[in-house]
Amino acid sequence: MSKKQHQKKHKRDQKRKEKHQQGTAEKGMEALKRQVKSGALFGEREVVFQFGSPEKMSEILLAFLEPYREYATTRGAFERLVAVGVLAWNAAILPHEQRQALLDEASKSIQAAAGKDDAEVYTALVNDLIKRKERYFASNKRRIVSYQVTEGKDTFHLAVASLV
């Protein structure tokens, strides 16, 4: 195969990969829309989906979680990391009394399900994430109300619903 043919094949393969990843991300967004619309989260209020905003909450959340991403190598681990990240993000926005009540309740649930040692690790991670939110993302007051993780060939995709 000549160098030119090889380059053409590489471009075709790259386009196929990008199209597949885009399709996976779109499936995740559609699943998130269905989840938000079918849930009782918003009651009778109309839900409006805004696309193309300058700040995609999914990208912000991924940047927020970046220092811990290397440890989330499976889909399950990635989903748990996102869940803890969402909890910490939303807790950081709350007034102190409400924040502590939310964290205490979550800690009790983790301890009941996984034991005291895991609850201590979880608490340390949440506290680190809250500090990270306050230090690097303090101006962003959007609350995360739902998210959807989908799996592509070599990566995970995240769709996030938030309140502006």
N, C-alpha and C. Protein backbone atom coordinates (compact mmCIF):
# COMPACT_ATOMS: atom_id res chain seq x y z
N MET A 1 0.86 -1.17 0.00
CA MET A 1 0.00 0.00 0.00
C MET A 1 0.90 1.23 0.00
N SER A 2 0.60 2.16 -0.87
CA SER A 2 1.41 3.37 -0.95
C SER A 2 1.12 4.27 0.25
N LYS A 3 1.99 5.24 0.43
CA LYS A 3 1.82 6.18 1.54
C LYS A 3 0.52 6.96 1.40
N LYS A 4 0.19 7.35 0.17
CA LYS A 4 -1.04 8.11 -0.09
C LYS A 4 -2.28 7.26 0.22
N GLN A 5 -2.26 6.00 -0.20
CA GLN A 5 -3.38 5.10 0.08
C GLN A 5 -3.52 4.87 1.58
N HIS A 6 -2.39 4.72 2.23
CA HIS A 6 -2.40 4.53 3.69
C HIS A 6 -3.02 5.74 4.39
N GLN A 7 -2.67 6.95 3.96
CA GLN A 7 -3.23 8.17 4.56
C GLN A 7 -4.73 8.25 4.33
N LYS A 8 -5.19 7.89 3.11
CA LYS A 8 -6.63 7.90 2.82
C LYS A 8 -7.37 6.91 3.72
N LYS A 9 -6.79 5.72 3.86
CA LYS A 9 -7.41 4.70 4.72
C LYS A 9 -7.46 5.19 6.17
N HIS A 10 -6.40 5.81 6.62
CA HIS A 10 -6.36 6.33 7.98
C HIS A 10 -7.45 7.39 8.18
N LYS A 11 -7.63 8.29 7.21
CA LYS A 11 -8.67 9.32 7.31
C LYS A 11 -10.06 8.69 7.36
N ARG A 12 -10.31 7.68 6.51
CA ARG A 12 -11.61 6.98 6.51
C ARG A 12 -11.86 6.32 7.86
N ASP A 13 -10.84 5.64 8.37
CA ASP A 13 -10.98 4.97 9.67
C ASP A 13 -11.24 5.99 10.78
N GLN A 14 -10.57 7.11 10.73
CA GLN A 14 -10.75 8.16 11.74
C GLN A 14 -12.17 8.71 11.68
N LYS A 15 -12.68 8.95 10.45
CA LYS A 15 -14.06 9.46 10.30
C LYS A 15 -15.07 8.46 10.83
N ARG A 16 -14.85 7.16 10.55
CA ARG A 16 -15.75 6.12 11.06
C ARG A 16 -15.76 6.11 12.59
N LYS A 17 -14.59 6.22 13.18
CA LYS A 17 -14.47 6.22 14.64
C LYS A 17 -15.18 7.44 15.24
N GLU A 18 -14.98 8.62 14.64
CA GLU A 18 -15.64 9.83 15.14
C GLU A 18 -17.15 9.73 15.01
N LYS A 19 -17.63 9.17 13.89
CA LYS A 19 -19.07 9.01 13.69
C LYS A 19 -19.65 8.05 14.73
N HIS A 20 -18.92 6.96 15.01
CA HIS A 20 -19.38 6.01 16.02
C HIS A 20 -19.45 6.66 17.40
N GLN A 21 -18.41 7.43 17.76
CA GLN A 21 -18.39 8.10 19.06
C GLN A 21 -19.52 9.12 19.16
N GLN A 22 -19.78 9.85 18.09
CA GLN A 22 -20.86 10.83 18.09
C GLN A 22 -22.20 10.12 18.27
N GLY A 23 -22.36 8.98 17.59
CA GLY A 23 -23.60 8.22 17.73
C GLY A 23 -23.81 7.73 19.15
N THR A 24 -22.74 7.28 19.79
CA THR A 24 -22.82 6.82 21.17
C THR A 24 -23.20 7.98 22.09
N ALA A 25 -22.59 9.14 21.89
CA ALA A 25 -22.91 10.31 22.71
C ALA A 25 -24.36 10.74 22.50
N GLU A 26 -24.84 10.69 21.25
CA GLU A 26 -26.24 11.06 20.96
C GLU A 26 -27.20 10.09 21.62
N LYS A 27 -26.88 8.80 21.64
CA LYS A 27 -27.73 7.82 22.31
C LYS A 27 -27.81 8.12 23.80
N GLY A 28 -26.67 8.50 24.39
CA GLY A 28 -26.66 8.87 25.81
C GLY A 28 -27.52 10.09 26.08
N MET A 29 -27.46 11.08 25.20
CA MET A 29 -28.26 12.30 25.37
C MET A 29 -29.75 11.97 25.23
N GLU A 30 -30.11 11.13 24.28
CA GLU A 30 -31.52 10.75 24.12
C GLU A 30 -32.01 9.99 25.35
N ALA A 31 -31.20 9.11 25.89
CA ALA A 31 -31.58 8.37 27.09
C ALA A 31 -31.75 9.33 28.26
N LEU A 32 -30.88 10.31 28.37
CA LEU A 32 -30.99 11.30 29.44
C LEU A 32 -32.27 12.11 29.29
N LYS A 33 -32.60 12.52 28.08
CA LYS A 33 -33.85 13.26 27.85
C LYS A 33 -35.06 12.45 28.30
N ARG A 34 -35.10 11.17 27.91
CA ARG A 34 -36.22 10.32 28.32
C ARG A 34 -36.29 10.20 29.84
N GLN A 35 -35.13 10.04 30.47
CA GLN A 35 -35.07 9.89 31.92
C GLN A 35 -35.61 11.14 32.61
N VAL A 36 -35.18 12.30 32.16
CA VAL A 36 -35.62 13.56 32.78
C VAL A 36 -37.10 13.79 32.54
N LYS A 37 -37.56 13.56 31.32
CA LYS A 37 -38.97 13.81 30.99
C LYS A 37 -39.90 12.84 31.69
N SER A 38 -39.47 11.59 31.90
CA SER A 38 -40.35 10.59 32.50
C SER A 38 -40.36 10.65 34.02
N GLY A 39 -39.34 11.27 34.60
CA GLY A 39 -39.25 11.32 36.06
C GLY A 39 -40.16 12.38 36.66
N ALA A 40 -40.38 12.24 37.94
CA ALA A 40 -41.22 13.19 38.65
C ALA A 40 -40.39 14.34 39.21
N LEU A 41 -39.16 14.42 38.79
CA LEU A 41 -38.23 15.41 39.33
C LEU A 41 -38.73 16.84 39.18
N PHE A 42 -39.36 17.13 38.05
CA PHE A 42 -39.81 18.49 37.78
C PHE A 42 -41.31 18.66 37.90
N GLY A 43 -42.01 17.64 38.33
CA GLY A 43 -43.45 17.73 38.48
C GLY A 43 -44.11 18.02 37.15
N GLU A 44 -45.00 18.99 37.15
CA GLU A 44 -45.74 19.34 35.94
C GLU A 44 -45.03 20.41 35.12
N ARG A 45 -43.89 20.89 35.58
CA ARG A 45 -43.18 21.94 34.85
C ARG A 45 -42.62 21.41 33.54
N GLU A 46 -42.59 22.29 32.55
CA GLU A 46 -42.03 21.93 31.26
C GLU A 46 -40.50 21.93 31.35
N VAL A 47 -39.89 20.93 30.77
CA VAL A 47 -38.45 20.83 30.74
C VAL A 47 -37.96 21.28 29.37
N VAL A 48 -37.05 22.22 29.36
CA VAL A 48 -36.50 22.72 28.12
C VAL A 48 -35.04 22.29 28.05
N PHE A 49 -34.67 21.68 26.94
CA PHE A 49 -33.29 21.25 26.75
C PHE A 49 -32.58 22.32 25.92
N GLN A 50 -31.47 22.78 26.45
CA GLN A 50 -30.69 23.81 25.77
C GLN A 50 -29.39 23.19 25.30
N PHE A 51 -29.16 23.29 24.01
CA PHE A 51 -27.95 22.73 23.43
C PHE A 51 -27.11 23.85 22.86
N GLY A 52 -25.85 23.59 22.73
CA GLY A 52 -24.97 24.56 22.10
C GLY A 52 -24.60 25.72 23.02
N SER A 53 -24.84 25.58 24.33
CA SER A 53 -24.43 26.64 25.23
C SER A 53 -22.91 26.63 25.30
N PRO A 54 -22.32 27.78 25.65
CA PRO A 54 -20.86 27.84 25.66
C PRO A 54 -20.23 26.87 26.67
N GLU A 55 -20.94 26.56 27.74
CA GLU A 55 -20.41 25.63 28.75
C GLU A 55 -21.28 24.38 28.80
N LYS A 56 -20.72 23.27 28.37
CA LYS A 56 -21.44 22.01 28.48
C LYS A 56 -21.16 21.45 29.87
N MET A 57 -22.21 21.19 30.61
CA MET A 57 -22.04 20.72 31.98
C MET A 57 -21.33 19.37 32.01
N SER A 58 -21.51 18.56 31.00
CA SER A 58 -20.80 17.27 30.98
C SER A 58 -19.29 17.49 30.90
N GLU A 59 -18.86 18.44 30.10
CA GLU A 59 -17.43 18.74 29.99
C GLU A 59 -16.89 19.32 31.30
N ILE A 60 -17.69 20.16 31.93
CA ILE A 60 -17.28 20.76 33.21
C ILE A 60 -17.14 19.67 34.27
N LEU A 61 -18.12 18.77 34.33
CA LEU A 61 -18.07 17.68 35.31
C LEU A 61 -16.86 16.77 35.05
N LEU A 62 -16.57 16.48 33.80
CA LEU A 62 -15.40 15.66 33.49
C LEU A 62 -14.11 16.36 33.91
N ALA A 63 -14.03 17.66 33.70
CA ALA A 63 -12.85 18.42 34.14
C ALA A 63 -12.74 18.40 35.66
N PHE A 64 -13.88 18.51 36.32
CA PHE A 64 -13.95 18.46 37.78
C PHE A 64 -13.41 17.13 38.31
N LEU A 65 -13.73 16.05 37.62
CA LEU A 65 -13.35 14.70 38.05
C LEU A 65 -11.99 14.25 37.52
N GLU A 66 -11.36 15.05 36.67
CA GLU A 66 -10.13 14.66 35.99
C GLU A 66 -9.05 14.06 36.90
N PRO A 67 -8.76 14.61 38.07
CA PRO A 67 -7.69 14.01 38.89
C PRO A 67 -7.96 12.57 39.32
N TYR A 68 -9.20 12.12 39.22
CA TYR A 68 -9.58 10.79 39.68
C TYR A 68 -9.92 9.84 38.53
N ARG A 69 -9.93 10.34 37.31
CA ARG A 69 -10.36 9.55 36.15
C ARG A 69 -9.49 8.31 35.93
N GLU A 70 -8.21 8.40 36.20
CA GLU A 70 -7.32 7.27 35.93
C GLU A 70 -7.69 6.03 36.75
N TYR A 71 -8.41 6.22 37.85
CA TYR A 71 -8.80 5.10 38.71
C TYR A 71 -10.12 4.46 38.27
N ALA A 72 -10.83 5.12 37.38
CA ALA A 72 -12.12 4.62 36.91
C ALA A 72 -11.95 3.97 35.54
N THR A 73 -11.43 2.76 35.53
CA THR A 73 -11.11 2.10 34.27
C THR A 73 -12.24 1.25 33.72
N THR A 74 -13.23 0.93 34.55
CA THR A 74 -14.38 0.16 34.08
C THR A 74 -15.60 1.07 34.08
N ARG A 75 -16.63 0.63 33.39
CA ARG A 75 -17.85 1.44 33.35
C ARG A 75 -18.44 1.60 34.75
N GLY A 76 -18.46 0.53 35.51
CA GLY A 76 -18.99 0.60 36.87
C GLY A 76 -18.22 1.58 37.74
N ALA A 77 -16.90 1.53 37.65
CA ALA A 77 -16.07 2.46 38.43
C ALA A 77 -16.28 3.90 37.96
N PHE A 78 -16.43 4.09 36.64
CA PHE A 78 -16.67 5.43 36.11
C PHE A 78 -18.03 5.95 36.59
N GLU A 79 -19.04 5.10 36.56
CA GLU A 79 -20.37 5.51 37.03
C GLU A 79 -20.35 5.87 38.52
N ARG A 80 -19.61 5.10 39.32
CA ARG A 80 -19.50 5.42 40.75
C ARG A 80 -18.77 6.74 40.97
N LEU A 81 -17.72 6.97 40.19
CA LEU A 81 -16.99 8.23 40.30
C LEU A 81 -17.89 9.40 39.93
N VAL A 82 -18.66 9.26 38.88
CA VAL A 82 -19.58 10.34 38.47
C VAL A 82 -20.62 10.56 39.57
N ALA A 83 -21.16 9.49 40.12
CA ALA A 83 -22.18 9.63 41.18
C ALA A 83 -21.62 10.38 42.39
N VAL A 84 -20.41 10.02 42.81
CA VAL A 84 -19.78 10.71 43.95
C VAL A 84 -19.49 12.16 43.57
N GLY A 85 -19.04 12.38 42.33
CA GLY A 85 -18.76 13.73 41.86
C GLY A 85 -20.00 14.60 41.84
N VAL A 86 -21.11 14.05 41.39
CA VAL A 86 -22.37 14.80 41.36
C VAL A 86 -22.81 15.15 42.78
N LEU A 87 -22.70 14.19 43.68
CA LEU A 87 -23.05 14.45 45.08
C LEU A 87 -22.20 15.59 45.65
N ALA A 88 -20.88 15.51 45.44
CA ALA A 88 -19.98 16.54 45.97
C ALA A 88 -20.25 17.90 45.32
N TRP A 89 -20.48 17.91 44.02
CA TRP A 89 -20.76 19.16 43.29
C TRP A 89 -22.00 19.83 43.87
N ASN A 90 -23.07 19.06 43.98
CA ASN A 90 -24.33 19.63 44.48
C ASN A 90 -24.22 20.02 45.96
N ALA A 91 -23.51 19.23 46.75
CA ALA A 91 -23.32 19.55 48.17
C ALA A 91 -22.56 20.87 48.32
N ALA A 92 -21.58 21.11 47.47
CA ALA A 92 -20.77 22.32 47.56
C ALA A 92 -21.59 23.58 47.30
N ILE A 93 -22.69 23.44 46.61
CA ILE A 93 -23.54 24.59 46.29
C ILE A 93 -24.49 24.92 47.45
N LEU A 94 -24.78 23.93 48.27
CA LEU A 94 -25.76 24.10 49.35
C LEU A 94 -25.21 24.92 50.51
N PRO A 95 -26.11 25.57 51.26
CA PRO A 95 -25.68 26.20 52.52
C PRO A 95 -25.15 25.12 53.47
N HIS A 96 -24.27 25.50 54.38
CA HIS A 96 -23.55 24.53 55.21
C HIS A 96 -24.47 23.53 55.92
N GLU A 97 -25.57 23.99 56.51
CA GLU A 97 -26.46 23.08 57.27
C GLU A 97 -27.05 22.02 56.34
N GLN A 98 -27.53 22.44 55.19
CA GLN A 98 -28.12 21.51 54.24
C GLN A 98 -27.05 20.58 53.68
N ARG A 99 -25.86 21.11 53.44
CA ARG A 99 -24.75 20.31 52.93
C ARG A 99 -24.45 19.18 53.89
N GLN A 100 -24.32 19.51 55.17
CA GLN A 100 -23.96 18.49 56.16
C GLN A 100 -25.03 17.42 56.27
N ALA A 101 -26.29 17.82 56.22
CA ALA A 101 -27.39 16.84 56.28
C ALA A 101 -27.33 15.89 55.09
N LEU A 102 -27.09 16.43 53.91
CA LEU A 102 -26.98 15.60 52.70
C LEU A 102 -25.81 14.63 52.81
N LEU A 103 -24.66 15.12 53.26
CA LEU A 103 -23.48 14.27 53.37
C LEU A 103 -23.64 13.20 54.45
N ASP A 104 -24.27 13.56 55.57
CA ASP A 104 -24.51 12.58 56.63
C ASP A 104 -25.41 11.45 56.14
N GLU A 105 -26.46 11.81 55.42
CA GLU A 105 -27.40 10.81 54.90
C GLU A 105 -26.70 9.90 53.89
N ALA A 106 -25.91 10.48 53.00
CA ALA A 106 -25.19 9.68 52.01
C ALA A 106 -24.17 8.76 52.69
N SER A 107 -23.49 9.26 53.70
CA SER A 107 -22.51 8.46 54.42
C SER A 107 -23.16 7.27 55.11
N LYS A 108 -24.33 7.49 55.70
CA LYS A 108 -25.07 6.38 56.34
C LYS A 108 -25.42 5.31 55.31
N SER A 109 -25.86 5.73 54.14
CA SER A 109 -26.22 4.78 53.08
C SER A 109 -25.02 3.97 52.64
N ILE A 110 -23.88 4.64 52.46
CA ILE A 110 -22.66 3.95 52.03
C ILE A 110 -22.21 2.97 53.12
N GLN A 111 -22.25 3.42 54.37
CA GLN A 111 -21.81 2.56 55.47
C GLN A 111 -22.70 1.33 55.58
N ALA A 112 -24.01 1.52 55.41
CA ALA A 112 -24.93 0.38 55.49
C ALA A 112 -24.69 -0.60 54.34
N ALA A 113 -24.37 -0.08 53.16
CA ALA A 113 -24.20 -0.94 51.99
C ALA A 113 -22.80 -1.54 51.90
N ALA A 114 -21.78 -0.78 52.28
CA ALA A 114 -20.41 -1.22 51.99
C ALA A 114 -19.52 -1.35 53.22
N GLY A 115 -19.95 -0.86 54.35
CA GLY A 115 -19.13 -0.96 55.55
C GLY A 115 -18.45 0.34 55.93
N LYS A 116 -17.92 0.35 57.14
CA LYS A 116 -17.34 1.56 57.72
C LYS A 116 -16.09 2.03 56.96
N ASP A 117 -15.22 1.10 56.57
CA ASP A 117 -13.98 1.49 55.88
C ASP A 117 -14.29 2.18 54.55
N ASP A 118 -15.22 1.62 53.78
CA ASP A 118 -15.58 2.24 52.51
C ASP A 118 -16.24 3.59 52.73
N ALA A 119 -17.01 3.72 53.79
CA ALA A 119 -17.65 5.00 54.09
C ALA A 119 -16.61 6.06 54.42
N GLU A 120 -15.53 5.67 55.10
CA GLU A 120 -14.46 6.63 55.41
C GLU A 120 -13.73 7.07 54.15
N VAL A 121 -13.46 6.14 53.26
CA VAL A 121 -12.82 6.47 51.99
C VAL A 121 -13.72 7.39 51.18
N TYR A 122 -15.00 7.04 51.12
CA TYR A 122 -15.99 7.85 50.41
C TYR A 122 -16.03 9.27 50.99
N THR A 123 -16.07 9.40 52.30
CA THR A 123 -16.13 10.71 52.94
C THR A 123 -14.91 11.55 52.60
N ALA A 124 -13.75 10.93 52.60
CA ALA A 124 -12.52 11.65 52.25
C ALA A 124 -12.58 12.13 50.79
N LEU A 125 -13.05 11.27 49.89
CA LEU A 125 -13.15 11.64 48.48
C LEU A 125 -14.15 12.78 48.29
N VAL A 126 -15.30 12.68 48.91
CA VAL A 126 -16.31 13.73 48.79
C VAL A 126 -15.76 15.06 49.31
N ASN A 127 -15.10 15.03 50.46
CA ASN A 127 -14.53 16.26 51.01
C ASN A 127 -13.47 16.86 50.09
N ASP A 128 -12.63 16.03 49.48
CA ASP A 128 -11.64 16.52 48.52
C ASP A 128 -12.33 17.15 47.32
N LEU A 129 -13.38 16.50 46.83
CA LEU A 129 -14.10 17.03 45.67
C LEU A 129 -14.81 18.35 46.00
N ILE A 130 -15.36 18.45 47.20
CA ILE A 130 -16.01 19.71 47.59
C ILE A 130 -14.97 20.84 47.61
N LYS A 131 -13.81 20.57 48.17
CA LYS A 131 -12.75 21.58 48.17
C LYS A 131 -12.35 21.96 46.74
N ARG A 132 -12.26 20.96 45.87
CA ARG A 132 -11.93 21.22 44.46
C ARG A 132 -12.99 22.08 43.80
N LYS A 133 -14.26 21.77 44.08
CA LYS A 133 -15.37 22.57 43.52
C LYS A 133 -15.26 24.02 43.98
N GLU A 134 -15.03 24.21 45.26
CA GLU A 134 -14.96 25.57 45.82
C GLU A 134 -13.73 26.33 45.31
N ARG A 135 -12.66 25.63 45.04
CA ARG A 135 -11.44 26.30 44.59
C ARG A 135 -11.43 26.61 43.10
N TYR A 136 -11.81 25.63 42.28
CA TYR A 136 -11.66 25.78 40.84
C TYR A 136 -12.95 26.03 40.08
N PHE A 137 -14.08 25.74 40.67
CA PHE A 137 -15.35 25.85 39.97
C PHE A 137 -16.38 26.66 40.77
N ALA A 138 -15.90 27.54 41.62
CA ALA A 138 -16.78 28.27 42.55
C ALA A 138 -17.82 29.12 41.84
N SER A 139 -17.49 29.67 40.69
CA SER A 139 -18.43 30.57 40.01
C SER A 139 -19.57 29.82 39.33
N ASN A 140 -19.42 28.52 39.14
CA ASN A 140 -20.47 27.73 38.49
C ASN A 140 -21.45 27.24 39.55
N LYS A 141 -22.65 27.77 39.54
CA LYS A 141 -23.68 27.44 40.54
C LYS A 141 -24.75 26.50 39.98
N ARG A 142 -24.51 25.93 38.80
CA ARG A 142 -25.50 25.02 38.21
C ARG A 142 -25.59 23.76 39.05
N ARG A 143 -26.81 23.32 39.28
CA ARG A 143 -27.05 22.10 40.04
C ARG A 143 -27.28 20.96 39.06
N ILE A 144 -26.63 19.87 39.29
CA ILE A 144 -26.77 18.69 38.43
C ILE A 144 -27.98 17.90 38.91
N VAL A 145 -28.92 17.67 38.00
CA VAL A 145 -30.15 16.97 38.39
C VAL A 145 -30.21 15.54 37.86
N SER A 146 -29.44 15.27 36.83
CA SER A 146 -29.43 13.91 36.29
C SER A 146 -28.24 13.75 35.35
N TYR A 147 -27.87 12.52 35.11
CA TYR A 147 -26.79 12.25 34.17
C TYR A 147 -26.98 10.87 33.58
N GLN A 148 -26.30 10.64 32.47
CA GLN A 148 -26.37 9.35 31.79
C GLN A 148 -24.97 9.00 31.29
N VAL A 149 -24.51 7.81 31.61
CA VAL A 149 -23.22 7.33 31.13
C VAL A 149 -23.48 6.29 30.05
N THR A 150 -22.80 6.45 28.92
CA THR A 150 -22.83 5.44 27.87
C THR A 150 -21.40 5.05 27.55
N GLU A 151 -21.26 3.90 26.96
CA GLU A 151 -19.92 3.38 26.70
C GLU A 151 -19.67 3.32 25.20
N GLY A 152 -18.58 3.95 24.77
CA GLY A 152 -18.14 3.86 23.39
C GLY A 152 -17.12 2.75 23.27
N LYS A 153 -16.47 2.66 22.12
CA LYS A 153 -15.50 1.60 21.90
C LYS A 153 -14.33 1.69 22.87
N ASP A 154 -13.76 2.87 23.02
CA ASP A 154 -12.59 3.03 23.87
C ASP A 154 -12.77 4.04 24.97
N THR A 155 -13.99 4.49 25.19
CA THR A 155 -14.19 5.58 26.15
C THR A 155 -15.61 5.56 26.70
N PHE A 156 -15.84 6.36 27.71
CA PHE A 156 -17.18 6.55 28.27
C PHE A 156 -17.65 7.94 27.89
N HIS A 157 -18.95 8.07 27.65
CA HIS A 157 -19.55 9.36 27.33
C HIS A 157 -20.48 9.74 28.47
N LEU A 158 -20.54 11.01 28.73
CA LEU A 158 -21.36 11.51 29.83
C LEU A 158 -22.29 12.59 29.32
N ALA A 159 -23.58 12.45 29.60
CA ALA A 159 -24.57 13.47 29.30
C ALA A 159 -25.10 13.95 30.65
N VAL A 160 -25.26 15.25 30.82
CA VAL A 160 -25.64 15.82 32.10
C VAL A 160 -26.81 16.78 31.92
N ALA A 161 -27.78 16.68 32.81
CA ALA A 161 -28.88 17.65 32.88
C ALA A 161 -28.64 18.49 34.12
N SER A 162 -28.71 19.81 33.94
CA SER A 162 -28.45 20.70 35.08
C SER A 162 -29.43 21.86 35.05
N LEU A 163 -29.57 22.48 36.20
CA LEU A 163 -30.39 23.69 36.33
C LEU A 163 -29.48 24.90 36.27
N VAL A 164 -29.81 25.82 35.41
CA VAL A 164 -28.99 27.04 35.28
C VAL A 164 -29.36 27.99 36.39
